[in-house]
């Protein structure tokens, strides 16, 4: 995990690429934000930009609205209803709150319907 000196954006260097990632996603993936290294702009420029890193598959997320989403292959999938959520054996206590602006940036896929 690196951050350009004086900038707020954080990147995860993986496979020779830098992937933009939010602090919330890093926490959800189990990273320690205290271990973000500050680097010079010149060093960061050496890495090609890769895809933005999102929440891990299987993560339940929600913004300030009532909708709950399941992360699947880097996309958010809306869960149709509370009954669908329960029928799929998910627990509401597992839902991670995310900032609305971050939720809006995530690509959306088809709806999740329970069993």
N, C-alpha and C. Protein backbone atom coordinates (compact mmCIF):
# COMPACT_ATOMS: atom_id res chain seq x y z
N UNK A 1 0.85 -1.16 0.00
CA UNK A 1 0.00 0.00 0.00
C UNK A 1 0.90 1.22 0.00
N UNK A 2 0.62 2.11 -0.96
CA UNK A 2 1.42 3.32 -1.07
C UNK A 2 0.52 4.53 -1.30
N UNK A 3 1.10 5.67 -0.96
CA UNK A 3 0.40 6.93 -1.09
C UNK A 3 1.44 7.97 -1.51
N UNK A 4 1.11 8.75 -2.54
CA UNK A 4 2.04 9.80 -2.96
C UNK A 4 2.15 10.85 -1.87
N UNK A 5 3.35 11.32 -1.66
CA UNK A 5 3.62 12.33 -0.64
C UNK A 5 2.69 13.53 -0.84
N UNK A 6 1.89 13.86 0.19
CA UNK A 6 0.99 15.01 0.14
C UNK A 6 -0.36 14.75 -0.51
N UNK A 7 -0.62 13.53 -0.95
CA UNK A 7 -1.90 13.19 -1.61
C UNK A 7 -2.70 12.27 -0.70
N UNK A 8 -4.01 12.20 -0.94
CA UNK A 8 -4.86 11.33 -0.11
C UNK A 8 -5.13 9.97 -0.75
N UNK A 9 -4.97 9.85 -2.08
CA UNK A 9 -5.25 8.59 -2.76
C UNK A 9 -4.28 7.49 -2.32
N UNK A 10 -4.83 6.30 -2.12
CA UNK A 10 -4.02 5.14 -1.73
C UNK A 10 -4.08 4.12 -2.86
N UNK A 11 -2.94 3.51 -3.13
CA UNK A 11 -2.85 2.47 -4.16
C UNK A 11 -2.31 1.19 -3.54
N UNK A 12 -2.80 0.09 -4.06
CA UNK A 12 -2.25 -1.21 -3.70
C UNK A 12 -1.42 -1.65 -4.89
N UNK A 13 -0.15 -1.93 -4.67
CA UNK A 13 0.72 -2.40 -5.75
C UNK A 13 0.59 -3.91 -5.79
N UNK A 14 0.16 -4.42 -6.95
CA UNK A 14 -0.10 -5.84 -7.08
C UNK A 14 0.14 -6.23 -8.53
N UNK A 15 0.96 -7.23 -8.75
CA UNK A 15 1.23 -7.70 -10.10
C UNK A 15 1.85 -6.64 -10.98
N UNK A 16 2.65 -5.76 -10.41
CA UNK A 16 3.30 -4.71 -11.18
C UNK A 16 2.41 -3.54 -11.55
N UNK A 17 1.21 -3.50 -11.01
CA UNK A 17 0.27 -2.42 -11.29
C UNK A 17 -0.14 -1.73 -9.99
N UNK A 18 -0.53 -0.47 -10.12
CA UNK A 18 -1.07 0.25 -8.96
C UNK A 18 -2.58 0.29 -9.11
N UNK A 19 -3.27 -0.10 -8.05
CA UNK A 19 -4.74 -0.15 -8.05
C UNK A 19 -5.25 0.84 -7.01
N UNK A 20 -6.04 1.79 -7.46
CA UNK A 20 -6.64 2.76 -6.56
C UNK A 20 -7.60 2.04 -5.62
N UNK A 21 -7.53 2.38 -4.35
CA UNK A 21 -8.36 1.69 -3.36
C UNK A 21 -8.69 2.67 -2.23
N UNK A 22 -9.92 2.58 -1.74
CA UNK A 22 -10.32 3.45 -0.63
C UNK A 22 -9.88 2.84 0.70
N UNK A 23 -9.82 3.68 1.70
CA UNK A 23 -9.44 3.19 3.03
C UNK A 23 -10.49 2.21 3.55
N UNK A 24 -11.78 2.42 3.20
CA UNK A 24 -12.84 1.51 3.64
C UNK A 24 -12.66 0.12 3.04
N UNK A 25 -12.29 0.06 1.76
CA UNK A 25 -12.07 -1.23 1.10
C UNK A 25 -10.85 -1.92 1.71
N UNK A 26 -9.81 -1.17 1.98
CA UNK A 26 -8.62 -1.75 2.60
C UNK A 26 -8.97 -2.38 3.95
N UNK A 27 -9.76 -1.66 4.75
CA UNK A 27 -10.17 -2.19 6.05
C UNK A 27 -10.98 -3.47 5.87
N UNK A 28 -11.91 -3.45 4.90
CA UNK A 28 -12.76 -4.62 4.65
C UNK A 28 -11.93 -5.82 4.20
N UNK A 29 -10.81 -5.57 3.56
CA UNK A 29 -9.92 -6.64 3.10
C UNK A 29 -8.88 -7.02 4.15
N UNK A 30 -8.94 -6.40 5.32
CA UNK A 30 -8.06 -6.78 6.42
C UNK A 30 -6.69 -6.11 6.44
N UNK A 31 -6.52 -5.03 5.68
CA UNK A 31 -5.24 -4.33 5.67
C UNK A 31 -5.16 -3.34 6.83
N UNK A 32 -3.96 -3.11 7.32
CA UNK A 32 -3.70 -2.16 8.39
C UNK A 32 -3.29 -0.83 7.76
N UNK A 33 -4.13 0.19 7.91
CA UNK A 33 -3.86 1.49 7.29
C UNK A 33 -2.60 2.16 7.84
N UNK A 34 -2.13 1.71 8.98
CA UNK A 34 -0.89 2.27 9.53
C UNK A 34 0.32 1.86 8.71
N UNK A 35 0.13 0.88 7.82
CA UNK A 35 1.25 0.37 7.03
C UNK A 35 1.30 0.95 5.62
N UNK A 36 0.55 2.03 5.36
CA UNK A 36 0.60 2.70 4.05
C UNK A 36 1.92 3.46 3.97
N UNK A 37 2.70 3.18 2.94
CA UNK A 37 3.99 3.84 2.76
C UNK A 37 3.81 5.10 1.91
N UNK A 38 4.50 6.15 2.28
CA UNK A 38 4.49 7.39 1.51
C UNK A 38 5.67 7.34 0.54
N UNK A 39 5.38 7.59 -0.74
CA UNK A 39 6.42 7.53 -1.77
C UNK A 39 6.42 8.79 -2.62
N UNK A 40 7.51 8.98 -3.34
CA UNK A 40 7.62 10.13 -4.24
C UNK A 40 6.81 9.88 -5.52
N UNK A 41 6.35 10.95 -6.12
CA UNK A 41 5.55 10.90 -7.34
C UNK A 41 6.25 10.11 -8.45
N UNK A 42 7.56 10.30 -8.56
CA UNK A 42 8.33 9.65 -9.61
C UNK A 42 8.27 8.12 -9.49
N UNK A 43 8.31 7.62 -8.27
CA UNK A 43 8.24 6.17 -8.05
C UNK A 43 6.86 5.64 -8.41
N UNK A 44 5.84 6.33 -8.00
CA UNK A 44 4.47 5.88 -8.27
C UNK A 44 4.17 5.90 -9.77
N UNK A 45 4.76 6.82 -10.50
CA UNK A 45 4.54 6.91 -11.96
C UNK A 45 5.09 5.70 -12.70
N UNK A 46 6.00 4.98 -12.10
CA UNK A 46 6.61 3.81 -12.76
C UNK A 46 5.63 2.65 -12.90
N UNK A 47 4.55 2.67 -12.13
CA UNK A 47 3.58 1.57 -12.17
C UNK A 47 2.40 1.93 -13.06
N UNK A 48 2.01 0.98 -13.89
CA UNK A 48 0.83 1.15 -14.74
C UNK A 48 -0.41 1.09 -13.87
N UNK A 49 -1.44 1.86 -14.24
CA UNK A 49 -2.67 1.89 -13.48
C UNK A 49 -3.52 0.66 -13.80
N UNK A 50 -3.91 -0.06 -12.79
CA UNK A 50 -4.79 -1.23 -12.95
C UNK A 50 -6.21 -0.89 -12.55
N UNK A 51 -7.07 -1.90 -12.50
CA UNK A 51 -8.46 -1.70 -12.11
C UNK A 51 -8.55 -1.29 -10.65
N UNK A 52 -9.55 -0.46 -10.35
CA UNK A 52 -9.78 -0.05 -8.97
C UNK A 52 -10.14 -1.27 -8.14
N UNK A 53 -9.62 -1.36 -6.95
CA UNK A 53 -9.89 -2.49 -6.06
C UNK A 53 -11.17 -2.21 -5.28
N UNK A 54 -12.09 -3.19 -5.26
CA UNK A 54 -13.37 -3.02 -4.57
C UNK A 54 -13.47 -4.00 -3.40
N UNK A 55 -14.63 -4.00 -2.79
CA UNK A 55 -14.88 -4.89 -1.66
C UNK A 55 -14.78 -6.35 -2.10
N UNK A 56 -14.38 -7.22 -1.20
CA UNK A 56 -14.27 -8.66 -1.55
C UNK A 56 -15.64 -9.25 -1.91
N UNK A 57 -15.64 -10.24 -2.78
CA UNK A 57 -16.87 -10.95 -3.13
C UNK A 57 -17.52 -11.49 -1.86
N UNK A 58 -18.84 -11.40 -1.80
CA UNK A 58 -19.58 -11.89 -0.64
C UNK A 58 -19.82 -10.85 0.42
N UNK A 59 -19.23 -9.65 0.26
CA UNK A 59 -19.42 -8.59 1.23
C UNK A 59 -20.79 -7.94 1.01
N UNK A 60 -21.52 -7.73 2.10
CA UNK A 60 -22.79 -7.01 2.05
C UNK A 60 -22.51 -5.55 2.37
N UNK A 61 -23.02 -4.63 1.53
CA UNK A 61 -22.78 -3.21 1.75
C UNK A 61 -24.08 -2.42 1.61
N UNK A 62 -24.10 -1.23 2.19
CA UNK A 62 -25.23 -0.33 2.03
C UNK A 62 -24.77 1.09 2.30
N UNK A 63 -25.44 2.04 1.66
CA UNK A 63 -25.19 3.46 1.90
C UNK A 63 -26.19 3.96 2.93
N UNK A 64 -26.56 5.24 2.82
CA UNK A 64 -27.51 5.81 3.78
C UNK A 64 -28.95 5.42 3.47
N UNK A 65 -29.21 4.95 2.25
CA UNK A 65 -30.56 4.52 1.87
C UNK A 65 -30.86 3.11 2.36
N UNK A 66 -32.06 2.61 2.04
CA UNK A 66 -32.47 1.29 2.54
C UNK A 66 -31.87 0.10 1.78
N UNK A 67 -31.35 0.32 0.58
CA UNK A 67 -30.86 -0.78 -0.24
C UNK A 67 -29.62 -1.48 0.31
N UNK A 68 -29.60 -2.81 0.18
CA UNK A 68 -28.45 -3.62 0.58
C UNK A 68 -27.95 -4.32 -0.68
N UNK A 69 -26.63 -4.39 -0.83
CA UNK A 69 -26.01 -4.96 -2.02
C UNK A 69 -25.04 -6.06 -1.64
N UNK A 70 -24.92 -7.03 -2.51
CA UNK A 70 -23.95 -8.10 -2.37
C UNK A 70 -22.85 -7.86 -3.39
N UNK A 71 -21.60 -7.83 -2.95
CA UNK A 71 -20.48 -7.66 -3.88
C UNK A 71 -20.18 -9.00 -4.54
N UNK A 72 -20.10 -8.96 -5.88
CA UNK A 72 -19.86 -10.16 -6.66
C UNK A 72 -19.05 -9.78 -7.90
N UNK A 73 -17.83 -10.30 -7.98
CA UNK A 73 -16.93 -10.04 -9.11
C UNK A 73 -16.72 -8.55 -9.35
N UNK A 74 -16.55 -7.80 -8.25
CA UNK A 74 -16.26 -6.38 -8.34
C UNK A 74 -17.46 -5.49 -8.59
N UNK A 75 -18.66 -6.06 -8.62
CA UNK A 75 -19.87 -5.28 -8.86
C UNK A 75 -20.83 -5.45 -7.70
N UNK A 76 -21.66 -4.43 -7.49
CA UNK A 76 -22.69 -4.52 -6.46
C UNK A 76 -23.96 -5.07 -7.08
N UNK A 77 -24.56 -6.00 -6.37
CA UNK A 77 -25.82 -6.60 -6.83
C UNK A 77 -26.89 -6.32 -5.78
N UNK A 78 -27.94 -5.57 -6.15
CA UNK A 78 -28.98 -5.26 -5.17
C UNK A 78 -29.70 -6.52 -4.71
N UNK A 79 -30.00 -6.58 -3.43
CA UNK A 79 -30.76 -7.70 -2.89
C UNK A 79 -32.22 -7.26 -2.85
N UNK A 80 -33.07 -8.04 -3.49
CA UNK A 80 -34.47 -7.65 -3.74
C UNK A 80 -35.23 -7.29 -2.47
N UNK A 81 -35.10 -8.10 -1.43
CA UNK A 81 -35.89 -7.85 -0.21
C UNK A 81 -35.18 -8.43 1.00
N UNK A 82 -35.69 -8.07 2.17
CA UNK A 82 -35.17 -8.60 3.43
C UNK A 82 -35.37 -10.12 3.48
N UNK A 83 -36.48 -10.59 2.94
CA UNK A 83 -36.75 -12.03 2.91
C UNK A 83 -35.72 -12.76 2.05
N UNK A 84 -35.34 -12.15 0.92
CA UNK A 84 -34.32 -12.74 0.06
C UNK A 84 -32.98 -12.81 0.80
N UNK A 85 -32.67 -11.74 1.51
CA UNK A 85 -31.42 -11.68 2.27
C UNK A 85 -31.38 -12.81 3.29
N UNK A 86 -32.46 -12.99 4.02
CA UNK A 86 -32.52 -14.04 5.05
C UNK A 86 -32.52 -15.44 4.44
N UNK A 87 -33.23 -15.62 3.30
CA UNK A 87 -33.28 -16.95 2.68
C UNK A 87 -31.92 -17.40 2.16
N UNK A 88 -31.05 -16.44 1.89
CA UNK A 88 -29.70 -16.76 1.42
C UNK A 88 -28.72 -16.92 2.59
N UNK A 89 -29.28 -16.92 3.80
CA UNK A 89 -28.50 -17.14 5.03
C UNK A 89 -27.53 -16.01 5.36
N UNK A 90 -27.87 -14.78 4.93
CA UNK A 90 -27.07 -13.62 5.30
C UNK A 90 -27.61 -13.03 6.58
N UNK A 91 -26.75 -12.41 7.33
CA UNK A 91 -27.11 -11.79 8.59
C UNK A 91 -26.98 -10.28 8.43
N UNK A 92 -28.01 -9.55 8.82
CA UNK A 92 -27.97 -8.09 8.71
C UNK A 92 -26.81 -7.46 9.48
N UNK A 93 -26.32 -8.15 10.48
CA UNK A 93 -25.19 -7.62 11.26
C UNK A 93 -23.90 -7.63 10.44
N UNK A 94 -23.89 -8.35 9.31
CA UNK A 94 -22.70 -8.42 8.46
C UNK A 94 -22.62 -7.27 7.45
N UNK A 95 -23.66 -6.47 7.35
CA UNK A 95 -23.72 -5.39 6.37
C UNK A 95 -22.75 -4.28 6.76
N UNK A 96 -21.89 -3.90 5.82
CA UNK A 96 -20.93 -2.82 6.05
C UNK A 96 -21.50 -1.52 5.50
N UNK A 97 -21.48 -0.48 6.29
CA UNK A 97 -21.93 0.84 5.84
C UNK A 97 -20.80 1.47 5.03
N UNK A 98 -21.17 2.02 3.86
CA UNK A 98 -20.19 2.70 3.01
C UNK A 98 -20.71 4.10 2.71
N UNK A 99 -19.80 4.97 2.34
CA UNK A 99 -20.18 6.33 1.99
C UNK A 99 -20.98 6.30 0.69
N UNK A 100 -22.00 7.15 0.61
CA UNK A 100 -22.87 7.18 -0.56
C UNK A 100 -22.10 7.44 -1.85
N UNK A 101 -21.12 8.34 -1.80
CA UNK A 101 -20.35 8.63 -3.03
C UNK A 101 -19.55 7.41 -3.48
N UNK A 102 -19.07 6.62 -2.54
CA UNK A 102 -18.34 5.40 -2.90
C UNK A 102 -19.29 4.34 -3.46
N UNK A 103 -20.48 4.23 -2.87
CA UNK A 103 -21.48 3.28 -3.34
C UNK A 103 -21.89 3.60 -4.78
N UNK A 104 -22.05 4.87 -5.09
CA UNK A 104 -22.45 5.30 -6.44
C UNK A 104 -21.40 4.95 -7.48
N UNK A 105 -20.15 4.93 -7.10
CA UNK A 105 -19.06 4.65 -8.04
C UNK A 105 -18.97 3.18 -8.44
N UNK A 106 -19.56 2.31 -7.63
CA UNK A 106 -19.48 0.87 -7.91
C UNK A 106 -20.43 0.49 -9.05
N UNK A 107 -19.95 -0.32 -9.97
CA UNK A 107 -20.79 -0.82 -11.05
C UNK A 107 -21.86 -1.73 -10.47
N UNK A 108 -23.05 -1.68 -11.08
CA UNK A 108 -24.16 -2.50 -10.59
C UNK A 108 -24.45 -3.63 -11.55
N UNK A 109 -24.76 -4.78 -11.00
CA UNK A 109 -25.10 -5.97 -11.77
C UNK A 109 -26.54 -6.36 -11.44
N UNK A 110 -26.97 -7.50 -11.96
CA UNK A 110 -28.36 -7.93 -11.78
C UNK A 110 -28.69 -8.20 -10.32
N UNK A 111 -29.97 -8.11 -10.03
CA UNK A 111 -30.51 -8.26 -8.69
C UNK A 111 -30.31 -9.68 -8.14
N UNK A 112 -30.11 -9.77 -6.83
CA UNK A 112 -30.00 -11.06 -6.15
C UNK A 112 -31.38 -11.43 -5.63
N UNK A 113 -31.84 -12.60 -5.99
CA UNK A 113 -33.15 -13.08 -5.53
C UNK A 113 -32.92 -14.33 -4.70
N UNK A 114 -33.59 -14.42 -3.57
CA UNK A 114 -33.41 -15.54 -2.65
C UNK A 114 -33.91 -16.86 -3.18
N UNK A 115 -33.79 -17.86 -2.34
CA UNK A 115 -34.19 -19.23 -2.72
C UNK A 115 -35.67 -19.46 -2.51
